[in-house]
Amino acid sequence: MDCLEALKTRRSVRKYKPDPILESDLQEILNAGRLAPTAGNFQPWEFIVTSDKDTIAQLREATYEQQEMLATSPTVVVVCADPKRSEHYGERGMTYFCLIDAANATDYMLLAAHALGYGGCWVGGFSEKKVRKVMEIPDNIRVVSIMPLGKPAEGEPWDPPKRQLEDIVHHDKW
């Protein structure tokens, strides 16, 4: 699948088959995150991978128990950011750039998963404190996303309407 096709066809998948992700595919997905663009090439991301059902259940609780998709996902990646790696850019680097960079990594992994025939979803609604406790993440590290991954269950993912280009693009000035 080429890049533009992946961008046009990727959707958030919220129900998964129980089949595990092939280790070689998981490595490709994680490597895609590693290759994401980053401010100053400081690469502030850290990825925590789990397939442990008890851990995934605890992560689900940390999402205010609204994320049923975690109940069916065979693998979950927790994407984190280390603000110290972006301190070259001062306060903005440590509070903003590191999060944007980890967000880029999340998107790259979601696109790679789609290209390999898997689905995923960006989960951003969670208690960072609870996720930090479940995954034993140091206090200085920020949790950016929880990403369930797996083979999509039957049925097409929801294809939400998107705003048209003419509604969002401004030329020369606002």
Protein backbone atom coordinates (compact mmCIF):
# COMPACT_ATOMS: atom_id res chain seq x y z
CA MET A 1 0.00 0.00 0.00
CA ASP A 2 1.44 3.38 -0.91
CA CYS A 3 1.56 6.29 1.52
CA LEU A 4 -1.31 8.30 0.05
CA GLU A 5 -3.55 5.24 -0.04
CA ALA A 6 -2.77 4.54 3.63
CA LEU A 7 -3.58 8.15 4.54
CA LYS A 8 -6.90 8.01 2.68
CA THR A 9 -8.05 4.62 3.96
CA ARG A 10 -6.83 4.37 7.57
CA ARG A 11 -9.65 4.45 10.12
CA SER A 12 -9.82 4.07 13.87
CA VAL A 13 -10.49 0.40 14.60
CA ARG A 14 -12.32 -0.29 17.84
CA LYS A 15 -12.95 -4.06 17.69
CA TYR A 16 -10.28 -6.67 17.13
CA LYS A 17 -9.94 -10.35 16.41
CA PRO A 18 -8.07 -12.23 19.15
CA ASP A 19 -5.27 -13.19 16.74
CA PRO A 20 -1.85 -12.03 17.96
CA ILE A 21 0.20 -9.61 15.90
CA LEU A 22 3.14 -11.31 14.21
CA GLU A 23 6.34 -10.29 15.97
CA SER A 24 7.94 -9.24 12.68
CA ASP A 25 4.93 -7.01 11.94
CA LEU A 26 5.02 -5.54 15.45
CA GLN A 27 8.68 -4.68 14.95
CA GLU A 28 7.82 -2.96 11.64
CA ILE A 29 5.08 -0.95 13.37
CA LEU A 30 7.38 0.11 16.21
CA ASN A 31 10.15 0.95 13.76
CA ALA A 32 7.75 3.22 11.87
CA GLY A 33 7.27 5.15 15.11
CA ARG A 34 11.02 5.39 15.53
CA LEU A 35 11.30 6.92 12.05
CA ALA A 36 8.78 9.72 12.70
CA PRO A 37 9.95 13.33 12.31
CA THR A 38 11.01 15.12 15.45
CA ALA A 39 12.03 18.65 16.43
CA GLY A 40 15.82 18.85 16.30
CA ASN A 41 16.00 15.06 15.84
CA PHE A 42 15.88 14.67 19.64
CA GLN A 43 13.55 11.64 19.42
CA PRO A 44 11.89 12.02 22.85
CA TRP A 45 9.61 9.00 22.53
CA GLU A 46 9.51 5.76 24.47
CA PHE A 47 7.20 2.86 23.57
CA ILE A 48 5.85 0.33 26.08
CA VAL A 49 4.34 -2.78 24.47
CA THR A 50 2.08 -5.22 26.28
CA SER A 51 0.01 -8.23 25.33
CA ASP A 52 -0.67 -9.15 28.95
CA LYS A 53 -4.46 -9.33 29.44
CA ASP A 54 -4.32 -8.21 33.09
CA THR A 55 -2.22 -5.18 32.18
CA ILE A 56 -4.53 -4.33 29.29
CA ALA A 57 -7.53 -4.61 31.64
CA GLN A 58 -5.85 -2.19 34.05
CA LEU A 59 -5.16 0.21 31.18
CA ARG A 60 -8.84 0.02 30.27
CA GLU A 61 -9.72 1.10 33.81
CA ALA A 62 -7.31 4.04 33.41
CA THR A 63 -9.36 5.17 30.38
CA TYR A 64 -12.39 5.73 32.59
CA GLU A 65 -13.59 2.30 31.42
CA GLN A 66 -14.98 3.88 28.28
CA GLN A 67 -12.56 2.19 25.93
CA GLU A 68 -14.13 -1.19 25.16
CA MET A 69 -11.63 -1.58 22.35
CA LEU A 70 -8.95 -2.35 24.90
CA ALA A 71 -10.96 -5.40 25.97
CA THR A 72 -10.53 -7.01 22.53
CA SER A 73 -7.08 -5.77 21.53
CA PRO A 74 -4.34 -8.43 21.61
CA THR A 75 -1.57 -5.81 21.85
CA VAL A 76 -1.38 -2.31 23.27
CA VAL A 77 1.40 0.24 22.82
CA VAL A 78 1.69 3.07 25.33
CA VAL A 79 3.51 5.99 23.72
CA CYS A 80 5.41 8.27 26.07
CA ALA A 81 7.57 11.38 25.80
CA ASP A 82 10.69 12.29 27.76
CA PRO A 83 10.65 16.11 28.09
CA LYS A 84 14.37 16.19 28.97
CA ARG A 85 15.25 14.99 25.48
CA SER A 86 13.67 18.17 24.06
CA GLU A 87 15.08 20.63 26.60
CA HIS A 88 17.35 22.17 23.94
CA TYR A 89 14.27 24.18 22.92
CA GLY A 90 13.63 25.39 26.46
CA GLU A 91 10.21 25.34 28.08
CA ARG A 92 8.44 25.05 24.71
CA GLY A 93 10.50 21.99 23.83
CA MET A 94 9.82 20.33 27.17
CA THR A 95 6.10 21.09 27.32
CA TYR A 96 5.13 21.05 23.65
CA PHE A 97 7.65 19.69 21.13
CA CYS A 98 8.19 16.42 23.00
CA LEU A 99 4.42 15.77 22.97
CA ILE A 100 4.08 16.65 19.29
CA ASP A 101 7.00 14.38 18.43
CA ALA A 102 5.46 11.45 20.33
CA ALA A 103 2.15 12.21 18.59
CA ASN A 104 3.94 11.97 15.24
CA ALA A 105 5.32 8.58 16.29
CA THR A 106 1.80 7.44 17.22
CA ASP A 107 0.48 8.43 13.80
CA TYR A 108 3.34 6.73 11.99
CA MET A 109 2.68 3.50 13.90
CA LEU A 110 -1.05 3.66 13.15
CA LEU A 111 -0.31 4.12 9.44
CA ALA A 112 2.20 1.26 9.44
CA ALA A 113 -0.29 -1.01 11.22
CA HIS A 114 -2.90 -0.19 8.58
CA ALA A 115 -0.46 -0.83 5.73
CA LEU A 116 0.30 -4.26 7.24
CA GLY A 117 -3.38 -5.21 7.52
CA TYR A 118 -3.87 -4.36 11.19
CA GLY A 119 -6.02 -1.75 12.82
CA GLY A 120 -5.44 0.59 15.68
CA CYS A 121 -6.89 3.54 17.49
CA TRP A 122 -5.43 6.56 19.24
CA VAL A 123 -6.76 6.61 22.80
CA GLY A 124 -6.17 9.98 24.42
CA GLY A 125 -8.81 9.96 27.15
CA PHE A 126 -7.08 8.48 30.19
CA SER A 127 -5.80 9.24 33.65
CA GLU A 128 -2.09 9.82 33.12
CA LYS A 129 -1.48 9.11 36.81
CA LYS A 130 -3.20 5.70 36.57
CA VAL A 131 -1.43 4.75 33.34
CA ARG A 132 1.88 5.76 34.89
CA LYS A 133 1.16 3.48 37.87
CA VAL A 134 0.02 0.48 35.79
CA MET A 135 3.00 0.68 33.43
CA GLU A 136 5.54 1.74 36.11
CA ILE A 137 6.42 4.90 34.18
CA PRO A 138 8.74 7.37 35.93
CA ASP A 139 7.18 10.66 37.06
CA ASN A 140 9.30 12.74 34.67
CA ILE A 141 7.90 10.92 31.60
CA ARG A 142 4.64 12.06 29.92
CA VAL A 143 2.07 9.56 28.64
CA VAL A 144 0.91 10.72 25.20
CA SER A 145 -1.28 7.93 23.84
CA ILE A 146 -2.55 4.43 24.39
CA MET A 147 -2.74 2.52 21.13
CA PRO A 148 -4.62 -0.79 20.89
CA LEU A 149 -3.54 -2.82 17.86
CA GLY A 150 -4.81 -5.96 16.17
CA LYS A 151 -6.59 -7.48 13.20
CA PRO A 152 -9.89 -5.65 12.67
CA ALA A 153 -13.00 -7.64 13.59
CA GLU A 154 -15.69 -8.11 10.96
CA GLY A 155 -17.36 -5.02 9.58
CA GLU A 156 -16.03 -1.76 8.26
CA PRO A 157 -14.71 0.83 10.70
CA TRP A 158 -16.76 4.00 10.91
CA ASP A 159 -15.82 6.46 8.16
CA PRO A 160 -16.44 9.86 9.75
CA PRO A 161 -17.16 12.88 7.55
CA LYS A 162 -14.19 15.18 6.99
CA ARG A 163 -14.23 18.91 6.43
CA GLN A 164 -13.61 19.97 2.83
CA LEU A 165 -10.35 21.65 1.82
CA GLU A 166 -12.11 24.87 0.83
CA ASP A 167 -13.43 25.09 4.40
CA ILE A 168 -10.01 24.87 6.05
CA VAL A 169 -7.37 26.26 3.67
CA HIS A 170 -6.51 29.97 3.74
CA HIS A 171 -4.23 31.56 1.15
CA ASP A 172 -1.81 34.34 2.01
CA LYS A 173 -3.83 35.43 5.08
CA TRP A 174 -6.61 34.11 7.31
